[in-house]
């Protein structure tokens, strides 16, 4: 039998160029020691009350989406509006932003957040079907440039039994209709505070939580080309009264900037009253 695929493990202080080399070759990489235990504890303190609410086991947009996340998963959305520590430590993490700028920057005037959610996968949760995150833009003609950079951050030690994310290294170079064989999956087993970072074109999916009483909390955070529409409506998820308390860079990533492509011979997107919304937050107009 063929051996199981594996993912490369690096440290958070690894040079950006090396991380990008692995990501380009494999479509995914695990970066360890991104966040300290103290940071994780603080974020969980801020967010777990939302995960424990009855409506965190939510009704989804459609039966298809409900099946994708499963009935054993608690879901907390709009993290930037609920956790200041998430904004400071995760949303603005310099390595992740450096990777996103390198991967997405050549094809846009600026990046934006696509989605920032916490998912707590409970006992009995079944593995997601293998998918590519860029499939949300299914109408994009192919071939296309990379449209998204995604990550899953482990808020506990990720093991196969807990449902660690399953990734197919190299699948970002496959033809669209090729399906992975079981031995081509790698389990993103990693200690708490690590993150698996993968391209929007890389096949992956959450694993099965086969434990009887353990939950697997994690963040999904992804960035996208700034001219695409995001999965989460971030300006509503983080409304102006909260957004104005955040750092300017966080406001920009959450959609309060404009996508200014005039210098590239294009136009601009996302203005309000012909102004940059982040400027209007600063002036009190918004």
C-alpha atoms as a PDB file:
ATOM      1  CA  UNK A   1       0.000   0.000   0.000  1.00  0.00           C
ATOM      2  CA  UNK A   2       1.233   3.505  -0.823  1.00  0.00           C
ATOM      3  CA  UNK A   3       2.361   5.601   2.151  1.00  0.00           C
ATOM      4  CA  UNK A   4       0.258   8.425   3.556  1.00  0.00           C
ATOM      5  CA  UNK A   5       1.065  11.914   2.285  1.00  0.00           C
ATOM      6  CA  UNK A   6       2.761  14.368   4.636  1.00  0.00           C
ATOM      7  CA  UNK A   7       2.893  18.119   5.087  1.00  0.00           C
ATOM      8  CA  UNK A   8       6.052  20.131   5.723  1.00  0.00           C
ATOM      9  CA  UNK A   9       6.291  21.648   9.228  1.00  0.00           C
ATOM     10  CA  UNK A  10       8.025  25.018   9.665  1.00  0.00           C
ATOM     11  CA  UNK A  11       8.326  27.518  12.526  1.00  0.00           C
ATOM     12  CA  UNK A  12       6.766  30.971  12.700  1.00  0.00           C
ATOM     13  CA  UNK A  13      10.184  32.638  12.434  1.00  0.00           C
ATOM     14  CA  UNK A  14      10.954  30.870   9.156  1.00  0.00           C
ATOM     15  CA  UNK A  15      11.961  33.288   6.369  1.00  0.00           C
ATOM     16  CA  UNK A  16       8.973  34.238   4.230  1.00  0.00           C
ATOM     17  CA  UNK A  17      10.781  33.081   1.100  1.00  0.00           C
ATOM     18  CA  UNK A  18      11.095  29.526   2.431  1.00  0.00           C
ATOM     19  CA  UNK A  19       7.430  29.369   3.433  1.00  0.00           C
ATOM     20  CA  UNK A  20       6.470  30.521  -0.047  1.00  0.00           C
ATOM     21  CA  UNK A  21       8.703  27.878  -1.654  1.00  0.00           C
ATOM     22  CA  UNK A  22       6.950  25.097   0.276  1.00  0.00           C
ATOM     23  CA  UNK A  23       3.520  26.571  -0.415  1.00  0.00           C
ATOM     24  CA  UNK A  24       4.274  26.805  -4.119  1.00  0.00           C
ATOM     25  CA  UNK A  25       5.525  23.218  -4.244  1.00  0.00           C
ATOM     26  CA  UNK A  26       2.888  21.525  -2.066  1.00  0.00           C
ATOM     27  CA  UNK A  27      -0.054  23.932  -2.003  1.00  0.00           C
ATOM     28  CA  UNK A  28      -0.025  23.782   1.809  1.00  0.00           C
ATOM     29  CA  UNK A  29       2.319  24.100   4.779  1.00  0.00           C
ATOM     30  CA  UNK A  30       2.070  23.819   8.567  1.00  0.00           C
ATOM     31  CA  UNK A  31       3.587  26.684  10.541  1.00  0.00           C
ATOM     32  CA  UNK A  32       4.101  25.979  14.231  1.00  0.00           C
ATOM     33  CA  UNK A  33       4.470  28.326  17.223  1.00  0.00           C
ATOM     34  CA  UNK A  34       2.374  31.106  15.680  1.00  0.00           C
ATOM     35  CA  UNK A  35       0.488  31.867  18.903  1.00  0.00           C
ATOM     36  CA  UNK A  36       1.354  31.416  22.562  1.00  0.00           C
ATOM     37  CA  UNK A  37      -0.798  29.562  25.066  1.00  0.00           C
ATOM     38  CA  UNK A  38      -1.634  32.913  26.661  1.00  0.00           C
ATOM     39  CA  UNK A  39      -2.939  34.330  23.380  1.00  0.00           C
ATOM     40  CA  UNK A  40      -5.011  31.214  22.716  1.00  0.00           C
ATOM     41  CA  UNK A  41      -6.470  31.285  26.236  1.00  0.00           C
ATOM     42  CA  UNK A  42      -7.426  34.944  25.863  1.00  0.00           C
ATOM     43  CA  UNK A  43      -9.078  34.412  22.480  1.00  0.00           C
ATOM     44  CA  UNK A  44     -11.009  31.395  23.774  1.00  0.00           C
ATOM     45  CA  UNK A  45     -12.121  33.443  26.781  1.00  0.00           C
ATOM     46  CA  UNK A  46     -13.495  36.067  24.396  1.00  0.00           C
ATOM     47  CA  UNK A  47     -15.112  33.660  21.929  1.00  0.00           C
ATOM     48  CA  UNK A  48     -16.219  30.492  23.697  1.00  0.00           C
ATOM     49  CA  UNK A  49     -19.302  32.171  25.240  1.00  0.00           C
ATOM     50  CA  UNK A  50     -20.571  32.632  21.661  1.00  0.00           C
ATOM     51  CA  UNK A  51     -19.802  28.993  20.814  1.00  0.00           C
ATOM     52  CA  UNK A  52     -21.787  27.836  23.830  1.00  0.00           C
ATOM     53  CA  UNK A  53     -24.948  29.708  22.865  1.00  0.00           C
ATOM     54  CA  UNK A  54     -27.759  27.518  21.501  1.00  0.00           C
ATOM     55  CA  UNK A  55     -27.782  29.346  18.168  1.00  0.00           C
ATOM     56  CA  UNK A  56     -24.116  28.507  17.538  1.00  0.00           C
ATOM     57  CA  UNK A  57     -25.451  25.144  16.365  1.00  0.00           C
ATOM     58  CA  UNK A  58     -27.140  27.174  13.716  1.00  0.00           C
ATOM     59  CA  UNK A  59     -29.528  26.854  10.827  1.00  0.00           C
ATOM     60  CA  UNK A  60     -27.578  27.366   7.613  1.00  0.00           C
ATOM     61  CA  UNK A  61     -28.462  28.999   4.308  1.00  0.00           C
ATOM     62  CA  UNK A  62     -29.423  25.710   2.667  1.00  0.00           C
ATOM     63  CA  UNK A  63     -29.406  21.954   3.327  1.00  0.00           C
ATOM     64  CA  UNK A  64     -26.240  21.668   1.229  1.00  0.00           C
ATOM     65  CA  UNK A  65     -24.374  24.156   3.426  1.00  0.00           C
ATOM     66  CA  UNK A  66     -25.752  22.500   6.562  1.00  0.00           C
ATOM     67  CA  UNK A  67     -24.440  19.128   5.393  1.00  0.00           C
ATOM     68  CA  UNK A  68     -21.055  20.675   4.626  1.00  0.00           C
ATOM     69  CA  UNK A  69     -20.561  21.898   8.215  1.00  0.00           C
ATOM     70  CA  UNK A  70     -22.491  19.100   9.903  1.00  0.00           C
ATOM     71  CA  UNK A  71     -24.795  18.981  12.904  1.00  0.00           C
ATOM     72  CA  UNK A  72     -21.955  18.435  15.395  1.00  0.00           C
ATOM     73  CA  UNK A  73     -20.107  21.686  14.626  1.00  0.00           C
ATOM     74  CA  UNK A  74     -20.529  24.914  16.583  1.00  0.00           C
ATOM     75  CA  UNK A  75     -19.954  27.980  14.438  1.00  0.00           C
ATOM     76  CA  UNK A  76     -18.985  31.511  15.524  1.00  0.00           C
ATOM     77  CA  UNK A  77     -18.933  34.136  12.769  1.00  0.00           C
ATOM     78  CA  UNK A  78     -17.688  37.716  12.529  1.00  0.00           C
ATOM     79  CA  UNK A  79     -14.679  37.177  14.794  1.00  0.00           C
ATOM     80  CA  UNK A  80     -13.295  40.680  14.316  1.00  0.00           C
ATOM     81  CA  UNK A  81     -16.380  42.092  16.015  1.00  0.00           C
ATOM     82  CA  UNK A  82     -16.158  39.692  18.971  1.00  0.00           C
ATOM     83  CA  UNK A  83     -12.483  39.300  19.867  1.00  0.00           C
ATOM     84  CA  UNK A  84     -10.004  42.202  20.027  1.00  0.00           C
ATOM     85  CA  UNK A  85      -7.248  39.664  20.614  1.00  0.00           C
ATOM     86  CA  UNK A  86      -8.169  37.856  17.403  1.00  0.00           C
ATOM     87  CA  UNK A  87      -7.780  41.133  15.479  1.00  0.00           C
ATOM     88  CA  UNK A  88      -4.444  42.053  17.039  1.00  0.00           C
ATOM     89  CA  UNK A  89      -2.817  38.627  17.015  1.00  0.00           C
ATOM     90  CA  UNK A  90      -4.447  36.606  14.216  1.00  0.00           C
ATOM     91  CA  UNK A  91      -6.021  38.918  11.641  1.00  0.00           C
ATOM     92  CA  UNK A  92      -2.921  41.120  11.514  1.00  0.00           C
ATOM     93  CA  UNK A  93      -0.336  38.355  11.900  1.00  0.00           C
ATOM     94  CA  UNK A  94       2.672  39.551   9.863  1.00  0.00           C
ATOM     95  CA  UNK A  95       3.680  36.190   8.384  1.00  0.00           C
ATOM     96  CA  UNK A  96       0.172  35.412   7.157  1.00  0.00           C
ATOM     97  CA  UNK A  97      -0.207  38.889   5.673  1.00  0.00           C
ATOM     98  CA  UNK A  98       3.207  38.576   4.024  1.00  0.00           C
ATOM     99  CA  UNK A  99       2.199  35.282   2.428  1.00  0.00           C
ATOM    100  CA  UNK A 100      -1.154  36.696   1.310  1.00  0.00           C
ATOM    101  CA  UNK A 101       0.502  39.738  -0.269  1.00  0.00           C
ATOM    102  CA  UNK A 102       2.986  37.522  -2.107  1.00  0.00           C
ATOM    103  CA  UNK A 103       0.405  35.005  -3.355  1.00  0.00           C
ATOM    104  CA  UNK A 104      -2.480  37.352  -4.150  1.00  0.00           C
ATOM    105  CA  UNK A 105      -0.824  40.737  -4.599  1.00  0.00           C
ATOM    106  CA  UNK A 106       0.267  40.285  -8.236  1.00  0.00           C
ATOM    107  CA  UNK A 107      -3.389  40.025  -9.301  1.00  0.00           C
ATOM    108  CA  UNK A 108      -5.033  42.798  -7.289  1.00  0.00           C
ATOM    109  CA  UNK A 109      -4.422  46.272  -5.924  1.00  0.00           C
ATOM    110  CA  UNK A 110      -4.996  45.069  -2.359  1.00  0.00           C
ATOM    111  CA  UNK A 111      -6.182  42.026  -0.431  1.00  0.00           C
ATOM    112  CA  UNK A 112      -9.257  41.650   1.782  1.00  0.00           C
ATOM    113  CA  UNK A 113     -10.538  39.177   4.326  1.00  0.00           C
ATOM    114  CA  UNK A 114     -12.783  36.540   2.824  1.00  0.00           C
ATOM    115  CA  UNK A 115     -14.045  34.894   6.004  1.00  0.00           C
ATOM    116  CA  UNK A 116     -13.000  34.744   9.672  1.00  0.00           C
ATOM    117  CA  UNK A 117     -14.877  32.107  11.679  1.00  0.00           C
ATOM    118  CA  UNK A 118     -14.345  29.808  14.647  1.00  0.00           C
ATOM    119  CA  UNK A 119     -15.543  26.227  14.261  1.00  0.00           C
ATOM    120  CA  UNK A 120     -15.763  23.876  17.224  1.00  0.00           C
ATOM    121  CA  UNK A 121     -15.975  20.360  15.795  1.00  0.00           C
ATOM    122  CA  UNK A 122     -17.657  18.018  18.262  1.00  0.00           C
ATOM    123  CA  UNK A 123     -17.631  14.247  18.806  1.00  0.00           C
ATOM    124  CA  UNK A 124     -19.334  12.388  15.981  1.00  0.00           C
ATOM    125  CA  UNK A 125     -18.644  15.047  13.341  1.00  0.00           C
ATOM    126  CA  UNK A 126     -17.957  13.364  10.016  1.00  0.00           C
ATOM    127  CA  UNK A 127     -15.257  14.341   7.555  1.00  0.00           C
ATOM    128  CA  UNK A 128     -16.133  17.072   5.076  1.00  0.00           C
ATOM    129  CA  UNK A 129     -16.163  16.172   1.427  1.00  0.00           C
ATOM    130  CA  UNK A 130     -12.874  17.148  -0.257  1.00  0.00           C
ATOM    131  CA  UNK A 131     -13.090  20.598  -1.802  1.00  0.00           C
ATOM    132  CA  UNK A 132     -11.188  23.662  -2.937  1.00  0.00           C
ATOM    133  CA  UNK A 133     -12.049  26.916  -1.168  1.00  0.00           C
ATOM    134  CA  UNK A 134     -11.857  28.838  -4.439  1.00  0.00           C
ATOM    135  CA  UNK A 135     -14.967  26.916  -5.517  1.00  0.00           C
ATOM    136  CA  UNK A 136     -17.084  29.670  -3.981  1.00  0.00           C
ATOM    137  CA  UNK A 137     -16.212  31.637  -7.135  1.00  0.00           C
ATOM    138  CA  UNK A 138     -17.281  28.813  -9.429  1.00  0.00           C
ATOM    139  CA  UNK A 139     -18.159  31.228 -12.225  1.00  0.00           C
ATOM    140  CA  UNK A 140     -14.568  32.425 -12.579  1.00  0.00           C
ATOM    141  CA  UNK A 141     -13.226  31.282 -15.973  1.00  0.00           C
ATOM    142  CA  UNK A 142     -10.423  28.728 -15.701  1.00  0.00           C
ATOM    143  CA  UNK A 143      -7.496  28.718 -15.585  1.00  0.00           C
ATOM    144  CA  UNK A 144      -7.384  31.620 -13.131  1.00  0.00           C
ATOM    145  CA  UNK A 145      -4.766  33.094 -10.823  1.00  0.00           C
ATOM    146  CA  UNK A 146      -4.817  32.115  -7.166  1.00  0.00           C
ATOM    147  CA  UNK A 147      -7.878  33.816  -5.726  1.00  0.00           C
ATOM    148  CA  UNK A 148      -7.624  32.927  -2.046  1.00  0.00           C
ATOM    149  CA  UNK A 149      -5.178  32.083   0.716  1.00  0.00           C
ATOM    150  CA  UNK A 150      -6.691  30.089   3.578  1.00  0.00           C
ATOM    151  CA  UNK A 151      -5.602  28.926   7.006  1.00  0.00           C
ATOM    152  CA  UNK A 152      -6.866  26.820   9.876  1.00  0.00           C
ATOM    153  CA  UNK A 153      -5.428  27.687  13.295  1.00  0.00           C
ATOM    154  CA  UNK A 154      -5.376  24.962  15.939  1.00  0.00           C
ATOM    155  CA  UNK A 155      -6.733  26.132  19.295  1.00  0.00           C
ATOM    156  CA  UNK A 156      -5.971  22.690  20.748  1.00  0.00           C
ATOM    157  CA  UNK A 157      -3.570  19.953  19.709  1.00  0.00           C
ATOM    158  CA  UNK A 158      -4.794  18.695  16.334  1.00  0.00           C
ATOM    159  CA  UNK A 159      -4.829  14.911  16.008  1.00  0.00           C
ATOM    160  CA  UNK A 160      -6.340  12.605  13.435  1.00  0.00           C
ATOM    161  CA  UNK A 161      -8.805  11.332  16.065  1.00  0.00           C
ATOM    162  CA  UNK A 162     -10.008  14.886  16.749  1.00  0.00           C
ATOM    163  CA  UNK A 163     -10.635  15.543  13.072  1.00  0.00           C
ATOM    164  CA  UNK A 164      -7.480  17.375  12.047  1.00  0.00           C
ATOM    165  CA  UNK A 165      -7.814  19.102   8.682  1.00  0.00           C
ATOM    166  CA  UNK A 166      -7.040  16.737   5.797  1.00  0.00           C
ATOM    167  CA  UNK A 167      -5.026  18.238   2.934  1.00  0.00           C
ATOM    168  CA  UNK A 168      -3.930  16.843  -0.438  1.00  0.00           C
ATOM    169  CA  UNK A 169      -0.404  18.136  -1.138  1.00  0.00           C
ATOM    170  CA  UNK A 170       0.179  18.987  -4.774  1.00  0.00           C
ATOM    171  CA  UNK A 171      -3.512  19.103  -5.673  1.00  0.00           C
ATOM    172  CA  UNK A 172      -3.230  22.807  -6.526  1.00  0.00           C
ATOM    173  CA  UNK A 173      -1.548  21.654  -9.751  1.00  0.00           C
ATOM    174  CA  UNK A 174      -4.121  19.014 -10.671  1.00  0.00           C
ATOM    175  CA  UNK A 175      -6.720  19.109 -13.393  1.00  0.00           C
ATOM    176  CA  UNK A 176     -10.080  20.227 -11.957  1.00  0.00           C
ATOM    177  CA  UNK A 177     -11.798  16.844 -12.280  1.00  0.00           C
ATOM    178  CA  UNK A 178      -9.068  14.728 -10.677  1.00  0.00           C
ATOM    179  CA  UNK A 179     -10.170  13.204  -7.352  1.00  0.00           C
ATOM    180  CA  UNK A 180      -7.702  12.259  -4.604  1.00  0.00           C
ATOM    181  CA  UNK A 181      -7.023   8.705  -3.533  1.00  0.00           C
ATOM    182  CA  UNK A 182      -7.028   7.931   0.223  1.00  0.00           C
ATOM    183  CA  UNK A 183      -3.222   7.729   0.414  1.00  0.00           C
ATOM    184  CA  UNK A 184      -2.885  11.222  -1.098  1.00  0.00           C
ATOM    185  CA  UNK A 185      -4.390  12.917   1.986  1.00  0.00           C
ATOM    186  CA  UNK A 186      -2.181  14.292   4.746  1.00  0.00           C
ATOM    187  CA  UNK A 187      -3.578  14.845   8.244  1.00  0.00           C
ATOM    188  CA  UNK A 188      -2.607  18.292   9.540  1.00  0.00           C
ATOM    189  CA  UNK A 189      -1.636  17.035  12.985  1.00  0.00           C
ATOM    190  CA  UNK A 190      -0.038  19.928  14.840  1.00  0.00           C
ATOM    191  CA  UNK A 191       0.249  21.420  18.331  1.00  0.00           C
ATOM    192  CA  UNK A 192      -2.036  24.176  19.581  1.00  0.00           C
ATOM    193  CA  UNK A 193      -0.962  27.579  18.298  1.00  0.00           C
ATOM    194  CA  UNK A 194      -0.017  26.217  14.878  1.00  0.00           C
ATOM    195  CA  UNK A 195      -1.776  26.875  11.611  1.00  0.00           C
ATOM    196  CA  UNK A 196      -2.041  24.976   8.365  1.00  0.00           C
ATOM    197  CA  UNK A 197      -1.880  27.440   5.482  1.00  0.00           C
ATOM    198  CA  UNK A 198      -3.094  26.403   2.040  1.00  0.00           C
ATOM    199  CA  UNK A 199      -3.983  27.841  -1.334  1.00  0.00           C
ATOM    200  CA  UNK A 200      -7.578  28.263  -2.425  1.00  0.00           C
ATOM    201  CA  UNK A 201      -6.842  25.756  -5.198  1.00  0.00           C
ATOM    202  CA  UNK A 202      -5.658  23.015  -2.799  1.00  0.00           C
ATOM    203  CA  UNK A 203      -8.030  20.136  -2.011  1.00  0.00           C
ATOM    204  CA  UNK A 204      -8.740  19.700   1.698  1.00  0.00           C
ATOM    205  CA  UNK A 205     -11.496  19.139   4.260  1.00  0.00           C
ATOM    206  CA  UNK A 206     -12.074  18.751   7.988  1.00  0.00           C
ATOM    207  CA  UNK A 207     -11.525  15.239   9.303  1.00  0.00           C
ATOM    208  CA  UNK A 208     -13.797  12.991  11.358  1.00  0.00           C
ATOM    209  CA  UNK A 209     -13.907  13.612  15.112  1.00  0.00           C
ATOM    210  CA  UNK A 210     -13.935   9.996  16.287  1.00  0.00           C
ATOM    211  CA  UNK A 211     -13.573  10.805  19.987  1.00  0.00           C
ATOM    212  CA  UNK A 212     -16.413  10.348  22.457  1.00  0.00           C
ATOM    213  CA  UNK A 213     -16.109  13.568  24.434  1.00  0.00           C
ATOM    214  CA  UNK A 214     -13.492  15.926  22.948  1.00  0.00           C
ATOM    215  CA  UNK A 215     -14.086  19.072  20.899  1.00  0.00           C
ATOM    216  CA  UNK A 216     -11.758  20.580  18.321  1.00  0.00           C
ATOM    217  CA  UNK A 217     -11.841  24.411  18.328  1.00  0.00           C
ATOM    218  CA  UNK A 218     -10.128  26.179  15.437  1.00  0.00           C
ATOM    219  CA  UNK A 219     -10.181  29.336  13.363  1.00  0.00           C
ATOM    220  CA  UNK A 220     -10.714  29.458   9.643  1.00  0.00           C
ATOM    221  CA  UNK A 221      -9.242  32.693   8.284  1.00  0.00           C
ATOM    222  CA  UNK A 222      -8.842  33.400   4.600  1.00  0.00           C
ATOM    223  CA  UNK A 223      -7.799  36.338   2.456  1.00  0.00           C
ATOM    224  CA  UNK A 224      -8.837  36.961  -1.135  1.00  0.00           C
ATOM    225  CA  UNK A 225      -8.188  39.168  -4.141  1.00  0.00           C
ATOM    226  CA  UNK A 226      -9.556  42.571  -3.198  1.00  0.00           C
ATOM    227  CA  UNK A 227     -11.882  42.793  -6.194  1.00  0.00           C
ATOM    228  CA  UNK A 228     -13.832  39.626  -5.370  1.00  0.00           C
ATOM    229  CA  UNK A 229     -16.964  39.440  -3.249  1.00  0.00           C
ATOM    230  CA  UNK A 230     -16.308  37.778   0.106  1.00  0.00           C
ATOM    231  CA  UNK A 231     -18.160  34.815   1.604  1.00  0.00           C
ATOM    232  CA  UNK A 232     -18.911  36.798   4.748  1.00  0.00           C
ATOM    233  CA  UNK A 233     -20.290  40.330   4.490  1.00  0.00           C
ATOM    234  CA  UNK A 234     -17.528  41.739   6.650  1.00  0.00           C
ATOM    235  CA  UNK A 235     -18.768  45.320   6.830  1.00  0.00           C
ATOM    236  CA  UNK A 236     -22.030  44.077   8.343  1.00  0.00           C
ATOM    237  CA  UNK A 237     -20.310  41.451  10.497  1.00  0.00           C
ATOM    238  CA  UNK A 238     -18.053  44.198  11.867  1.00  0.00           C
ATOM    239  CA  UNK A 239     -20.258  47.317  11.701  1.00  0.00           C
ATOM    240  CA  UNK A 240     -18.906  50.878  11.854  1.00  0.00           C
ATOM    241  CA  UNK A 241     -19.332  51.340  15.615  1.00  0.00           C
ATOM    242  CA  UNK A 242     -16.963  48.400  16.170  1.00  0.00           C
ATOM    243  CA  UNK A 243     -14.776  48.914  13.099  1.00  0.00           C
ATOM    244  CA  UNK A 244     -13.809  52.443  14.158  1.00  0.00           C
ATOM    245  CA  UNK A 245     -12.157  50.991  17.297  1.00  0.00           C
ATOM    246  CA  UNK A 246      -9.892  48.710  15.247  1.00  0.00           C
ATOM    247  CA  UNK A 247      -6.488  49.478  13.711  1.00  0.00           C
ATOM    248  CA  UNK A 248      -6.614  51.074  10.286  1.00  0.00           C
ATOM    249  CA  UNK A 249      -5.104  47.990   8.627  1.00  0.00           C
ATOM    250  CA  UNK A 250      -7.819  45.795  10.130  1.00  0.00           C
ATOM    251  CA  UNK A 251     -10.483  48.174   8.806  1.00  0.00           C
ATOM    252  CA  UNK A 252      -8.969  47.950   5.342  1.00  0.00           C
ATOM    253  CA  UNK A 253      -8.852  44.158   5.389  1.00  0.00           C
ATOM    254  CA  UNK A 254     -12.480  44.013   6.513  1.00  0.00           C
ATOM    255  CA  UNK A 255     -13.708  45.999   3.508  1.00  0.00           C
ATOM    256  CA  UNK A 256     -13.565  49.599   4.698  1.00  0.00           C
ATOM    257  CA  UNK A 257     -10.892  50.407   2.146  1.00  0.00           C
ATOM    258  CA  UNK A 258     -11.389  50.882  -1.581  1.00  0.00           C
ATOM    259  CA  UNK A 259      -9.767  48.660  -4.186  1.00  0.00           C
ATOM    260  CA  UNK A 260      -7.873  51.396  -6.022  1.00  0.00           C
ATOM    261  CA  UNK A 261      -6.624  50.109  -9.382  1.00  0.00           C
ATOM    262  CA  UNK A 262      -6.452  53.481 -11.131  1.00  0.00           C
ATOM    263  CA  UNK A 263      -2.656  53.389 -11.138  1.00  0.00           C
ATOM    264  CA  UNK A 264      -2.884  50.061 -12.975  1.00  0.00           C
ATOM    265  CA  UNK A 265      -5.134  51.542 -15.647  1.00  0.00           C
ATOM    266  CA  UNK A 266      -8.373  50.481 -13.957  1.00  0.00           C
ATOM    267  CA  UNK A 267     -10.845  52.074 -11.578  1.00  0.00           C
ATOM    268  CA  UNK A 268     -11.894  51.797  -7.953  1.00  0.00           C
ATOM    269  CA  UNK A 269     -14.337  49.659  -5.990  1.00  0.00           C
ATOM    270  CA  UNK A 270     -16.066  50.032  -2.630  1.00  0.00           C
ATOM    271  CA  UNK A 271     -16.330  53.801  -2.232  1.00  0.00           C
ATOM    272  CA  UNK A 272     -19.033  55.510  -0.175  1.00  0.00           C
ATOM    273  CA  UNK A 273     -20.130  58.982  -1.244  1.00  0.00           C
ATOM    274  CA  UNK A 274     -16.981  59.014  -3.419  1.00  0.00           C
ATOM    275  CA  UNK A 275     -14.813  58.579  -0.307  1.00  0.00           C
ATOM    276  CA  UNK A 276     -12.764  55.840   1.359  1.00  0.00           C
ATOM    277  CA  UNK A 277     -14.925  54.380   4.142  1.00  0.00           C
ATOM    278  CA  UNK A 278     -11.929  54.011   6.491  1.00  0.00           C
ATOM    279  CA  UNK A 279     -11.297  57.762   6.142  1.00  0.00           C
ATOM    280  CA  UNK A 280     -14.935  58.369   7.004  1.00  0.00           C
ATOM    281  CA  UNK A 281     -14.589  56.219  10.132  1.00  0.00           C
ATOM    282  CA  UNK A 282     -11.633  58.367  11.181  1.00  0.00           C
ATOM    283  CA  UNK A 283     -13.440  61.658  10.551  1.00  0.00           C
ATOM    284  CA  UNK A 284     -16.682  60.584  12.247  1.00  0.00           C
ATOM    285  CA  UNK A 285     -18.700  60.736   9.025  1.00  0.00           C
ATOM    286  CA  UNK A 286     -19.360  56.995   9.284  1.00  0.00           C
END
